[in-house]
């Protein structure tokens, strides 16, 4: 993996962070994408090797394109992509109109596509 560039979404926490750390341990340069820059920076600090953090909301195509451009500028062409960003759970009182369908689709489907 020493010549590979792997981009991971959701790299600031949980499974995405674990995958990013493992890819770095295997020798890959890692592009770290996620919603919160501070969490991505913490992941980058835990990596002993090339890592570039670029915050973006996967639901916003322009932000995703800018983040991919930033990590490509930092580490060159992207060899692999691991899309971990996602949300789940049921509808709740905090959800607009009590229906999370649009947010689920924009995050889990559109976000992966973008």
N, C-alpha and C. Protein backbone atom coordinates (compact mmCIF):
# COMPACT_ATOMS: atom_id res chain seq x y z
N UNK A 1 0.81 -1.20 0.00
CA UNK A 1 0.00 0.00 0.00
C UNK A 1 0.86 1.27 0.00
N UNK A 2 2.17 1.16 0.02
CA UNK A 2 3.00 2.35 0.20
C UNK A 2 2.87 3.36 -0.93
N UNK A 3 2.39 2.97 -2.07
CA UNK A 3 2.22 3.93 -3.16
C UNK A 3 0.75 4.22 -3.43
N UNK A 4 -0.12 3.79 -2.56
CA UNK A 4 -1.56 3.96 -2.75
C UNK A 4 -2.08 5.17 -2.01
N UNK A 5 -3.13 5.75 -2.58
CA UNK A 5 -3.82 6.86 -1.93
C UNK A 5 -5.27 6.41 -1.73
N UNK A 6 -5.67 6.29 -0.48
CA UNK A 6 -7.00 5.83 -0.12
C UNK A 6 -7.77 6.98 0.52
N UNK A 7 -8.99 7.22 0.05
CA UNK A 7 -9.85 8.25 0.62
C UNK A 7 -10.96 7.56 1.41
N UNK A 8 -11.17 8.04 2.64
CA UNK A 8 -12.18 7.46 3.52
C UNK A 8 -13.13 8.57 3.97
N UNK A 9 -14.44 8.38 3.74
CA UNK A 9 -15.42 9.32 4.29
C UNK A 9 -15.84 8.81 5.66
N UNK A 10 -16.26 9.73 6.51
CA UNK A 10 -16.61 9.35 7.87
C UNK A 10 -15.36 9.06 8.69
N UNK A 11 -14.23 9.64 8.28
CA UNK A 11 -12.93 9.30 8.87
C UNK A 11 -12.68 9.95 10.23
N UNK A 12 -13.59 10.77 10.70
CA UNK A 12 -13.38 11.44 11.98
C UNK A 12 -13.73 10.60 13.19
N UNK A 13 -14.60 9.61 13.02
CA UNK A 13 -15.06 8.82 14.17
C UNK A 13 -15.35 7.38 13.75
N UNK A 14 -15.51 6.53 14.72
CA UNK A 14 -16.04 5.19 14.55
C UNK A 14 -15.34 4.33 13.52
N UNK A 15 -16.13 3.65 12.72
CA UNK A 15 -15.62 2.71 11.73
C UNK A 15 -14.76 3.42 10.68
N UNK A 16 -15.20 4.60 10.24
CA UNK A 16 -14.42 5.35 9.26
C UNK A 16 -13.04 5.68 9.78
N UNK A 17 -12.96 6.11 11.03
CA UNK A 17 -11.65 6.40 11.64
C UNK A 17 -10.81 5.14 11.72
N UNK A 18 -11.40 4.04 12.14
CA UNK A 18 -10.65 2.78 12.26
C UNK A 18 -10.12 2.33 10.89
N UNK A 19 -10.92 2.48 9.86
CA UNK A 19 -10.47 2.09 8.52
C UNK A 19 -9.34 2.99 8.06
N UNK A 20 -9.46 4.29 8.29
CA UNK A 20 -8.41 5.22 7.90
C UNK A 20 -7.10 4.90 8.62
N UNK A 21 -7.18 4.64 9.92
CA UNK A 21 -5.98 4.29 10.68
C UNK A 21 -5.35 3.00 10.17
N UNK A 22 -6.17 2.03 9.84
CA UNK A 22 -5.65 0.75 9.33
C UNK A 22 -4.99 0.93 7.96
N UNK A 23 -5.62 1.72 7.09
CA UNK A 23 -5.02 1.97 5.78
C UNK A 23 -3.66 2.66 5.93
N UNK A 24 -3.57 3.62 6.83
CA UNK A 24 -2.31 4.30 7.09
C UNK A 24 -1.27 3.33 7.65
N UNK A 25 -1.71 2.46 8.55
CA UNK A 25 -0.81 1.46 9.13
C UNK A 25 -0.26 0.54 8.03
N UNK A 26 -1.07 0.29 7.01
CA UNK A 26 -0.65 -0.55 5.88
C UNK A 26 0.25 0.22 4.92
N UNK A 27 0.43 1.52 5.17
CA UNK A 27 1.35 2.31 4.37
C UNK A 27 0.73 3.23 3.35
N UNK A 28 -0.57 3.32 3.31
CA UNK A 28 -1.24 4.18 2.34
C UNK A 28 -1.21 5.64 2.78
N UNK A 29 -1.19 6.54 1.80
CA UNK A 29 -1.50 7.94 2.06
C UNK A 29 -3.02 7.98 2.19
N UNK A 30 -3.50 8.73 3.17
CA UNK A 30 -4.93 8.69 3.45
C UNK A 30 -5.56 10.08 3.33
N UNK A 31 -6.62 10.15 2.53
CA UNK A 31 -7.44 11.35 2.47
C UNK A 31 -8.60 11.16 3.43
N UNK A 32 -8.72 12.05 4.39
CA UNK A 32 -9.72 11.94 5.45
C UNK A 32 -10.84 12.92 5.19
N UNK A 33 -12.03 12.42 4.93
CA UNK A 33 -13.19 13.26 4.70
C UNK A 33 -14.23 13.01 5.78
N UNK A 34 -14.92 14.04 6.17
CA UNK A 34 -15.97 13.93 7.18
C UNK A 34 -16.57 15.29 7.43
N UNK A 35 -17.52 15.32 8.30
CA UNK A 35 -18.29 16.54 8.54
C UNK A 35 -17.55 17.54 9.41
N UNK A 36 -16.78 17.08 10.39
CA UNK A 36 -16.17 17.98 11.37
C UNK A 36 -14.64 17.98 11.26
N UNK A 37 -14.09 19.14 10.93
CA UNK A 37 -12.64 19.28 10.72
C UNK A 37 -11.85 18.88 11.97
N UNK A 38 -12.34 19.23 13.17
CA UNK A 38 -11.59 18.92 14.38
C UNK A 38 -11.44 17.41 14.57
N UNK A 39 -12.47 16.64 14.26
CA UNK A 39 -12.38 15.18 14.38
C UNK A 39 -11.43 14.60 13.33
N UNK A 40 -11.47 15.16 12.12
CA UNK A 40 -10.56 14.71 11.07
C UNK A 40 -9.11 15.02 11.43
N UNK A 41 -8.87 16.19 12.01
CA UNK A 41 -7.52 16.56 12.43
C UNK A 41 -7.01 15.62 13.52
N UNK A 42 -7.90 15.19 14.42
CA UNK A 42 -7.51 14.24 15.47
C UNK A 42 -7.12 12.90 14.85
N UNK A 43 -7.86 12.47 13.83
CA UNK A 43 -7.50 11.23 13.13
C UNK A 43 -6.16 11.41 12.44
N UNK A 44 -5.97 12.53 11.75
CA UNK A 44 -4.71 12.79 11.06
C UNK A 44 -3.53 12.79 12.03
N UNK A 45 -3.73 13.34 13.23
CA UNK A 45 -2.67 13.39 14.24
C UNK A 45 -2.29 11.99 14.73
N UNK A 46 -3.22 11.06 14.64
CA UNK A 46 -2.95 9.68 15.09
C UNK A 46 -2.25 8.86 14.01
N UNK A 47 -2.07 9.43 12.84
CA UNK A 47 -1.46 8.71 11.72
C UNK A 47 0.00 9.10 11.59
N UNK A 48 0.86 8.10 11.53
CA UNK A 48 2.29 8.33 11.34
C UNK A 48 2.59 8.13 9.85
N UNK A 49 2.27 9.15 9.08
CA UNK A 49 2.44 9.06 7.63
C UNK A 49 1.59 10.12 6.97
N UNK A 50 1.54 10.10 5.64
CA UNK A 50 0.79 11.12 4.93
C UNK A 50 -0.71 11.01 5.11
N UNK A 51 -1.32 12.09 5.58
CA UNK A 51 -2.76 12.15 5.78
C UNK A 51 -3.21 13.59 5.56
N UNK A 52 -4.32 13.75 4.89
CA UNK A 52 -4.86 15.08 4.64
C UNK A 52 -6.33 15.10 5.01
N UNK A 53 -6.71 16.03 5.89
CA UNK A 53 -8.09 16.15 6.36
C UNK A 53 -8.81 17.24 5.58
N UNK A 54 -9.99 16.90 5.07
CA UNK A 54 -10.81 17.87 4.33
C UNK A 54 -12.27 17.69 4.74
N UNK A 55 -12.78 18.65 5.49
CA UNK A 55 -14.17 18.57 5.94
C UNK A 55 -15.12 18.85 4.79
N UNK A 56 -16.21 18.09 4.77
CA UNK A 56 -17.27 18.32 3.80
C UNK A 56 -18.54 17.63 4.29
N UNK A 57 -19.65 18.14 3.80
CA UNK A 57 -20.94 17.51 4.05
C UNK A 57 -21.23 16.66 2.82
N UNK A 58 -21.27 15.35 2.96
CA UNK A 58 -21.45 14.47 1.79
C UNK A 58 -22.76 14.71 1.08
N UNK A 59 -23.68 15.42 1.70
CA UNK A 59 -24.97 15.73 1.07
C UNK A 59 -24.87 16.88 0.08
N UNK A 60 -23.73 17.56 0.08
CA UNK A 60 -23.54 18.75 -0.77
C UNK A 60 -22.46 18.44 -1.80
N UNK A 61 -22.89 18.21 -3.02
CA UNK A 61 -21.99 17.77 -4.10
C UNK A 61 -20.75 18.68 -4.24
N UNK A 62 -20.94 19.99 -4.21
CA UNK A 62 -19.82 20.91 -4.39
C UNK A 62 -18.79 20.76 -3.27
N UNK A 63 -19.24 20.52 -2.05
CA UNK A 63 -18.30 20.32 -0.94
C UNK A 63 -17.52 19.02 -1.12
N UNK A 64 -18.18 17.99 -1.59
CA UNK A 64 -17.51 16.70 -1.82
C UNK A 64 -16.46 16.86 -2.92
N UNK A 65 -16.83 17.52 -4.00
CA UNK A 65 -15.88 17.72 -5.10
C UNK A 65 -14.67 18.52 -4.64
N UNK A 66 -14.88 19.55 -3.83
CA UNK A 66 -13.78 20.36 -3.31
C UNK A 66 -12.88 19.54 -2.39
N UNK A 67 -13.48 18.70 -1.54
CA UNK A 67 -12.70 17.88 -0.62
C UNK A 67 -11.87 16.85 -1.38
N UNK A 68 -12.47 16.20 -2.37
CA UNK A 68 -11.71 15.24 -3.19
C UNK A 68 -10.57 15.95 -3.92
N UNK A 69 -10.83 17.15 -4.39
CA UNK A 69 -9.77 17.92 -5.05
C UNK A 69 -8.63 18.24 -4.10
N UNK A 70 -8.98 18.59 -2.86
CA UNK A 70 -7.96 18.92 -1.86
C UNK A 70 -7.08 17.72 -1.52
N UNK A 71 -7.69 16.56 -1.33
CA UNK A 71 -6.87 15.38 -0.99
C UNK A 71 -6.07 14.90 -2.20
N UNK A 72 -6.62 15.06 -3.40
CA UNK A 72 -5.86 14.70 -4.61
C UNK A 72 -4.68 15.64 -4.79
N UNK A 73 -4.87 16.92 -4.50
CA UNK A 73 -3.75 17.86 -4.57
C UNK A 73 -2.67 17.50 -3.56
N UNK A 74 -3.08 17.03 -2.40
CA UNK A 74 -2.13 16.70 -1.34
C UNK A 74 -1.37 15.40 -1.59
N UNK A 75 -2.05 14.38 -2.14
CA UNK A 75 -1.44 13.04 -2.24
C UNK A 75 -1.47 12.43 -3.64
N UNK A 76 -1.96 13.15 -4.61
CA UNK A 76 -1.98 12.63 -5.97
C UNK A 76 -3.24 11.83 -6.26
N UNK A 77 -3.23 11.10 -7.37
CA UNK A 77 -4.42 10.36 -7.79
C UNK A 77 -4.93 9.41 -6.71
N UNK A 78 -6.24 9.25 -6.68
CA UNK A 78 -6.89 8.40 -5.68
C UNK A 78 -6.99 6.98 -6.23
N UNK A 79 -6.48 6.02 -5.46
CA UNK A 79 -6.49 4.62 -5.87
C UNK A 79 -7.68 3.84 -5.33
N UNK A 80 -8.18 4.25 -4.18
CA UNK A 80 -9.29 3.51 -3.56
C UNK A 80 -10.14 4.47 -2.75
N UNK A 81 -11.43 4.14 -2.66
CA UNK A 81 -12.38 4.95 -1.92
C UNK A 81 -13.16 4.04 -0.98
N UNK A 82 -13.30 4.47 0.28
CA UNK A 82 -14.10 3.74 1.25
C UNK A 82 -15.16 4.71 1.77
N UNK A 83 -16.39 4.49 1.37
CA UNK A 83 -17.49 5.37 1.76
C UNK A 83 -18.16 4.88 3.03
N UNK A 84 -17.84 5.51 4.15
CA UNK A 84 -18.36 5.07 5.43
C UNK A 84 -19.40 6.05 5.99
N UNK A 85 -19.43 7.27 5.50
CA UNK A 85 -20.39 8.25 6.00
C UNK A 85 -21.80 7.72 5.84
N UNK A 86 -22.59 7.87 6.88
CA UNK A 86 -23.97 7.43 6.80
C UNK A 86 -24.71 7.71 8.09
N UNK A 87 -26.02 7.70 7.98
CA UNK A 87 -26.86 7.88 9.16
C UNK A 87 -27.93 6.80 9.18
N UNK A 88 -28.49 6.58 10.32
CA UNK A 88 -29.55 5.59 10.46
C UNK A 88 -30.51 6.01 11.55
N UNK A 89 -31.28 5.07 12.00
CA UNK A 89 -32.21 5.33 13.08
C UNK A 89 -33.59 5.67 12.57
N UNK A 90 -34.51 5.69 13.48
CA UNK A 90 -35.90 5.96 13.14
C UNK A 90 -36.22 7.44 13.16
N UNK A 91 -37.43 7.75 12.80
CA UNK A 91 -37.91 9.13 12.86
C UNK A 91 -38.10 9.53 14.30
N UNK A 92 -37.93 10.80 14.58
CA UNK A 92 -38.07 11.29 15.95
C UNK A 92 -38.68 12.66 15.99
N UNK A 93 -38.91 13.12 17.20
CA UNK A 93 -39.53 14.43 17.39
C UNK A 93 -38.65 15.56 16.87
N UNK A 94 -37.32 15.37 16.88
CA UNK A 94 -36.40 16.41 16.43
C UNK A 94 -36.34 16.52 14.91
N UNK A 95 -36.89 15.55 14.21
CA UNK A 95 -36.85 15.55 12.76
C UNK A 95 -37.93 16.46 12.20
N UNK A 96 -37.56 17.25 11.21
CA UNK A 96 -38.53 18.16 10.60
C UNK A 96 -39.71 17.38 10.05
N UNK A 97 -40.86 17.62 10.59
CA UNK A 97 -42.06 16.93 10.14
C UNK A 97 -42.11 15.48 10.58
N UNK A 98 -41.15 15.04 11.41
CA UNK A 98 -41.14 13.66 11.88
C UNK A 98 -40.74 12.65 10.82
N UNK A 99 -40.15 13.12 9.70
CA UNK A 99 -39.79 12.22 8.61
C UNK A 99 -38.35 12.50 8.19
N UNK A 100 -37.49 11.51 8.32
CA UNK A 100 -36.08 11.65 7.99
C UNK A 100 -35.75 11.15 6.59
N UNK A 101 -36.74 10.79 5.81
CA UNK A 101 -36.49 10.18 4.51
C UNK A 101 -35.51 10.99 3.65
N UNK A 102 -35.77 12.30 3.48
CA UNK A 102 -34.91 13.12 2.64
C UNK A 102 -33.48 13.15 3.15
N UNK A 103 -33.31 13.30 4.45
CA UNK A 103 -31.96 13.35 5.02
C UNK A 103 -31.26 12.00 4.87
N UNK A 104 -31.98 10.91 5.08
CA UNK A 104 -31.39 9.57 4.90
C UNK A 104 -30.94 9.36 3.46
N UNK A 105 -31.78 9.72 2.51
CA UNK A 105 -31.44 9.54 1.10
C UNK A 105 -30.28 10.45 0.69
N UNK A 106 -30.33 11.72 1.10
CA UNK A 106 -29.26 12.65 0.74
C UNK A 106 -27.93 12.22 1.33
N UNK A 107 -27.93 11.68 2.55
CA UNK A 107 -26.69 11.26 3.18
C UNK A 107 -26.22 9.91 2.66
N UNK A 108 -27.06 8.90 2.75
CA UNK A 108 -26.64 7.53 2.48
C UNK A 108 -26.58 7.18 1.00
N UNK A 109 -27.43 7.76 0.20
CA UNK A 109 -27.43 7.45 -1.23
C UNK A 109 -26.68 8.52 -2.03
N UNK A 110 -27.17 9.74 -1.96
CA UNK A 110 -26.52 10.81 -2.73
C UNK A 110 -25.07 11.04 -2.27
N UNK A 111 -24.86 11.02 -0.96
CA UNK A 111 -23.51 11.23 -0.43
C UNK A 111 -22.52 10.21 -0.91
N UNK A 112 -22.94 8.97 -1.05
CA UNK A 112 -22.05 7.93 -1.57
C UNK A 112 -21.82 8.15 -3.05
N UNK A 113 -22.84 8.52 -3.78
CA UNK A 113 -22.71 8.77 -5.21
C UNK A 113 -21.78 9.96 -5.50
N UNK A 114 -21.97 11.06 -4.75
CA UNK A 114 -21.14 12.24 -4.98
C UNK A 114 -19.68 11.93 -4.74
